[in-house]
Amino acid sequence: MNKHLNLAPGKSFPLGATLTQDGVNFSVFSKSSTAMELLLFDHHEAPEPAHIIRLDPKVNRTFHYWHIFVPGLKSGQVYAYRADGPYEPGEGMRFDRDKVLLDPYGRCVAVPESYDRNAAALPGENIATAMRSVVVDLGTYDWDGDTAQKRPFPQTIIYEMHVAGFTRHPSSGVDPGKRGTYAGLVEKIPYLQDLGITAVELLPVFHFDDQEAPDGLTNYWGYNPVSFFAPHCEYSS
């Protein structure tokens, strides 16, 4: 399924999916795996990958790093991995080549409507119901001239907040389309300044699994992230 991609061996560094003008370099650390596959999806709701690229340990592995370069890929490309290896729970290894895995260094996570957390623990593949990673062009982020705060720490007044909860209620006065989002938080910065706040400390904003909760409940607080380098997508407007 990887015909006509003109694949190259790629590099072990940097980890994650690195976008270049010619394509994307993928690199993932897996010390104990014996095989690795890169799955490429046409979009985040696709039930099956458009390409399954089996990495050759003689060409696409350097020490504990699996890597490959795929020409022509752009920002927004949806991808994931599958890894094979020993199943020795007593040694902390539970490889299952049927299960789809996120890129630990991925910068964005896509969650299909069919996502099912329980499917990851059941026998068989979970391609259609798994989260996927997304290639991101970090160079397009606009920092709006943001710089490091130079205020001495003793003069810092910190406001700890939950991104969604801070503006979710209509009383926040935030535009309905931005309530419970990063953009809604930004809209309330003047309000925070009026209170004398000089810095905000956000509760977890790493991407987390809403379904990691008892039956009938959702994971509201965001602890136990599934991707430490990707902001939680549901906080996006």
Protein backbone atom coordinates (compact mmCIF):
# COMPACT_ATOMS: atom_id res chain seq x y z
CA MET A 1 0.00 0.00 0.00
CA ASN A 2 3.02 2.32 -0.17
CA LYS A 3 3.54 2.35 -3.93
CA HIS A 4 4.47 5.60 -5.72
CA LEU A 5 5.56 7.36 -2.51
CA ASN A 6 9.31 7.42 -3.37
CA LEU A 7 10.25 6.76 0.23
CA ALA A 8 13.64 7.66 1.70
CA PRO A 9 15.32 6.22 4.84
CA GLY A 10 14.80 9.42 6.84
CA LYS A 11 16.63 10.56 9.96
CA SER A 12 16.36 9.62 13.62
CA PHE A 13 16.40 13.26 14.72
CA PRO A 14 14.33 15.22 15.49
CA LEU A 15 11.68 13.00 17.03
CA GLY A 16 8.11 13.38 15.83
CA ALA A 17 6.85 14.47 12.41
CA THR A 18 9.09 17.19 11.00
CA LEU A 19 7.75 19.14 8.02
CA THR A 20 10.18 20.27 5.30
CA GLN A 21 9.59 21.86 1.90
CA ASP A 22 9.92 18.41 0.31
CA GLY A 23 7.85 16.28 2.68
CA VAL A 24 7.81 14.94 6.22
CA ASN A 25 10.44 13.09 8.26
CA PHE A 26 8.95 10.71 10.83
CA SER A 27 10.95 9.44 13.80
CA VAL A 28 9.74 7.49 16.82
CA PHE A 29 11.59 5.90 19.75
CA SER A 30 10.79 2.28 20.53
CA LYS A 31 13.53 0.33 22.29
CA SER A 32 11.91 -3.11 22.42
CA SER A 33 9.82 -3.21 19.24
CA THR A 34 10.65 -5.70 16.51
CA ALA A 35 8.53 -4.12 13.75
CA MET A 36 6.97 -0.74 13.02
CA GLU A 37 4.33 0.53 10.58
CA LEU A 38 3.46 4.11 9.65
CA LEU A 39 -0.21 4.62 8.75
CA LEU A 40 -1.23 7.56 6.54
CA PHE A 41 -4.90 8.61 6.45
CA ASP A 42 -6.61 10.82 3.87
CA HIS A 43 -8.51 12.63 6.65
CA HIS A 44 -9.15 12.21 10.36
CA GLU A 45 -12.49 10.44 9.87
CA ALA A 46 -11.13 7.88 7.38
CA PRO A 47 -11.94 4.36 8.66
CA GLU A 48 -8.87 2.88 6.94
CA PRO A 49 -5.40 4.24 6.14
CA ALA A 50 -4.68 5.19 2.54
CA HIS A 51 -1.13 3.88 2.94
CA ILE A 52 0.51 1.40 5.30
CA ILE A 53 4.28 1.79 5.26
CA ARG A 54 6.23 -1.08 6.81
CA LEU A 55 9.58 0.17 8.07
CA ASP A 56 12.62 -1.95 7.28
CA PRO A 57 14.79 -2.44 10.40
CA LYS A 58 17.90 -2.55 8.19
CA VAL A 59 17.10 0.79 6.53
CA ASN A 60 14.69 2.65 8.80
CA ARG A 61 16.11 1.95 12.23
CA THR A 62 19.02 3.61 14.03
CA PHE A 63 19.66 2.20 17.50
CA HIS A 64 16.21 2.51 19.20
CA TYR A 65 14.78 4.98 16.67
CA TRP A 66 12.53 4.10 13.72
CA HIS A 67 12.52 6.73 10.97
CA ILE A 68 11.40 7.37 7.41
CA PHE A 69 11.00 10.32 5.03
CA VAL A 70 7.83 10.56 2.94
CA PRO A 71 8.04 13.11 0.10
CA GLY A 72 5.10 15.29 -0.84
CA LEU A 73 3.27 15.27 2.50
CA LYS A 74 1.92 18.57 3.80
CA SER A 75 0.78 20.14 7.05
CA GLY A 76 -2.49 18.54 8.10
CA GLN A 77 -1.47 15.00 7.13
CA VAL A 78 -3.13 12.51 9.49
CA TYR A 79 -0.95 9.59 10.62
CA ALA A 80 -0.41 6.97 13.31
CA TYR A 81 1.81 3.99 14.11
CA ARG A 82 1.50 0.28 14.80
CA ALA A 83 4.29 -1.54 16.62
CA ASP A 84 5.03 -5.20 17.16
CA GLY A 85 7.21 -6.77 19.80
CA PRO A 86 7.20 -9.00 22.87
CA TYR A 87 4.12 -9.44 25.02
CA GLU A 88 5.57 -9.78 28.50
CA PRO A 89 3.36 -7.88 30.98
CA GLY A 90 5.64 -8.85 33.86
CA GLU A 91 8.43 -6.92 32.12
CA GLY A 92 6.18 -3.98 31.29
CA MET A 93 5.85 -4.86 27.59
CA ARG A 94 2.41 -5.26 26.02
CA PHE A 95 2.99 -4.99 22.28
CA ASP A 96 -0.07 -5.62 20.09
CA ARG A 97 0.46 -5.01 16.36
CA ASP A 98 -3.30 -4.66 15.84
CA LYS A 99 -3.52 -1.47 17.89
CA VAL A 100 -3.10 2.03 16.49
CA LEU A 101 -0.68 4.28 18.40
CA LEU A 102 -0.29 8.05 18.62
CA ASP A 103 3.07 9.67 17.95
CA PRO A 104 4.47 10.46 21.45
CA TYR A 105 6.04 13.62 19.96
CA GLY A 106 3.01 14.58 17.84
CA ARG A 107 1.96 18.24 17.95
CA CYS A 108 -1.72 17.71 17.18
CA VAL A 109 -4.28 14.95 17.84
CA ALA A 110 -7.38 14.24 15.74
CA VAL A 111 -10.30 12.36 17.28
CA PRO A 112 -12.78 10.72 14.87
CA GLU A 113 -16.48 10.66 15.70
CA SER A 114 -16.17 6.88 15.98
CA TYR A 115 -13.49 7.07 18.70
CA ASP A 116 -13.89 4.32 21.28
CA ARG A 117 -11.47 4.10 24.21
CA ASN A 118 -12.61 0.57 25.10
CA ALA A 119 -11.68 -0.76 21.65
CA ALA A 120 -8.01 -0.34 22.51
CA ALA A 121 -8.34 -2.99 25.22
CA LEU A 122 -10.42 -5.50 23.25
CA PRO A 123 -8.99 -8.17 20.91
CA GLY A 124 -8.51 -7.19 17.26
CA GLU A 125 -7.64 -4.01 15.42
CA ASN A 126 -8.98 -0.56 16.31
CA ILE A 127 -8.03 1.44 13.20
CA ALA A 128 -11.50 2.94 12.69
CA THR A 129 -11.96 3.94 16.34
CA ALA A 130 -8.53 5.24 17.36
CA MET A 131 -7.12 8.73 17.83
CA ARG A 132 -4.58 9.81 15.21
CA SER A 133 -1.72 12.30 15.10
CA VAL A 134 -1.53 15.23 12.67
CA VAL A 135 1.49 16.86 10.98
CA VAL A 136 1.76 20.51 12.00
CA ASP A 137 3.69 23.39 10.45
CA LEU A 138 5.06 25.11 13.55
CA GLY A 139 6.36 28.00 11.46
CA THR A 140 2.83 29.27 10.82
CA TYR A 141 2.05 30.01 14.48
CA ASP A 142 1.62 33.73 15.15
CA TRP A 143 3.05 34.68 18.54
CA ASP A 144 1.55 38.20 18.19
CA GLY A 145 4.78 39.73 19.45
CA ASP A 146 4.61 37.80 22.72
CA THR A 147 7.73 38.01 24.89
CA ALA A 148 8.80 36.61 28.24
CA GLN A 149 7.41 38.38 31.28
CA LYS A 150 10.05 40.51 32.98
CA ARG A 151 8.14 41.13 36.21
CA PRO A 152 10.02 39.96 39.36
CA PHE A 153 8.39 36.82 40.73
CA PRO A 154 7.52 38.36 44.16
CA GLN A 155 5.33 40.84 42.27
CA THR A 156 3.59 38.14 40.24
CA ILE A 157 -0.10 37.47 40.91
CA ILE A 158 -1.11 34.10 39.47
CA TYR A 159 -4.66 33.07 38.55
CA GLU A 160 -5.14 29.32 38.16
CA MET A 161 -7.91 28.38 35.75
CA HIS A 162 -9.57 25.63 33.74
CA VAL A 163 -9.63 26.69 30.07
CA ALA A 164 -13.12 25.36 29.35
CA GLY A 165 -14.72 26.19 32.69
CA PHE A 166 -13.45 29.77 32.82
CA THR A 167 -15.68 31.05 30.00
CA ARG A 168 -18.22 28.27 29.42
CA HIS A 169 -21.10 29.99 31.24
CA PRO A 170 -23.00 32.79 29.43
CA SER A 171 -22.22 35.10 32.36
CA SER A 172 -18.61 35.21 31.10
CA GLY A 173 -19.79 37.61 28.39
CA VAL A 174 -17.65 35.79 25.84
CA ASP A 175 -18.90 35.34 22.27
CA PRO A 176 -20.94 32.08 22.20
CA GLY A 177 -18.64 30.58 19.55
CA LYS A 178 -15.61 31.08 21.80
CA ARG A 179 -16.96 29.95 25.18
CA GLY A 180 -14.83 27.24 26.75
CA THR A 181 -11.91 27.78 24.36
CA TYR A 182 -8.42 29.29 24.23
CA ALA A 183 -9.86 32.17 22.20
CA GLY A 184 -12.46 32.79 24.88
CA LEU A 185 -9.72 32.98 27.50
CA VAL A 186 -7.86 35.55 25.40
CA GLU A 187 -11.04 37.64 25.19
CA LYS A 188 -11.06 37.85 29.01
CA ILE A 189 -7.47 39.08 29.39
CA PRO A 190 -8.57 42.72 29.99
CA TYR A 191 -10.87 41.46 32.77
CA LEU A 192 -7.97 39.59 34.39
CA GLN A 193 -5.75 42.66 34.14
CA ASP A 194 -8.43 44.75 35.85
CA LEU A 195 -8.30 42.27 38.72
CA GLY A 196 -4.56 42.83 39.00
CA ILE A 197 -3.63 39.41 37.62
CA THR A 198 -0.15 39.33 36.03
CA ALA A 199 0.05 35.65 35.02
CA VAL A 200 -2.31 32.73 34.44
CA GLU A 201 -1.61 29.11 35.30
CA LEU A 202 -3.73 26.75 33.21
CA LEU A 203 -4.92 23.37 34.39
CA PRO A 204 -3.80 20.61 31.98
CA VAL A 205 -4.03 21.70 28.35
CA PHE A 206 -2.24 18.67 26.89
CA HIS A 207 -4.54 16.54 24.78
CA PHE A 208 -6.45 14.14 27.00
CA ASP A 209 -9.07 11.45 26.59
CA ASP A 210 -12.60 12.64 27.42
CA GLN A 211 -13.67 9.00 27.79
CA GLU A 212 -11.20 8.25 30.58
CA ALA A 213 -13.86 8.39 33.29
CA PRO A 214 -16.44 6.18 35.03
CA ASP A 215 -19.55 5.24 33.02
CA GLY A 216 -21.84 8.20 32.51
CA LEU A 217 -19.14 10.77 33.22
CA THR A 218 -16.44 12.52 31.20
CA ASN A 219 -12.86 13.45 32.02
CA TYR A 220 -13.36 17.15 32.80
CA TRP A 221 -10.08 18.09 34.44
CA GLY A 222 -7.71 16.75 31.81
CA TYR A 223 -5.26 14.86 33.97
CA ASN A 224 -3.54 11.76 32.52
CA PRO A 225 -2.76 13.32 29.10
CA VAL A 226 -2.38 11.11 26.03
CA SER A 227 -0.07 13.54 24.20
CA PHE A 228 2.24 15.92 26.04
CA PHE A 229 3.18 17.98 22.96
CA ALA A 230 -0.35 18.57 21.59
CA PRO A 231 -2.84 21.10 23.01
CA HIS A 232 -6.28 19.68 23.75
CA CYS A 233 -8.22 20.09 20.50
CA GLU A 234 -11.64 20.57 22.12
CA TYR A 235 -10.40 23.84 23.63
CA SER A 236 -9.90 25.20 20.13
CA SER A 237 -12.50 27.53 18.65
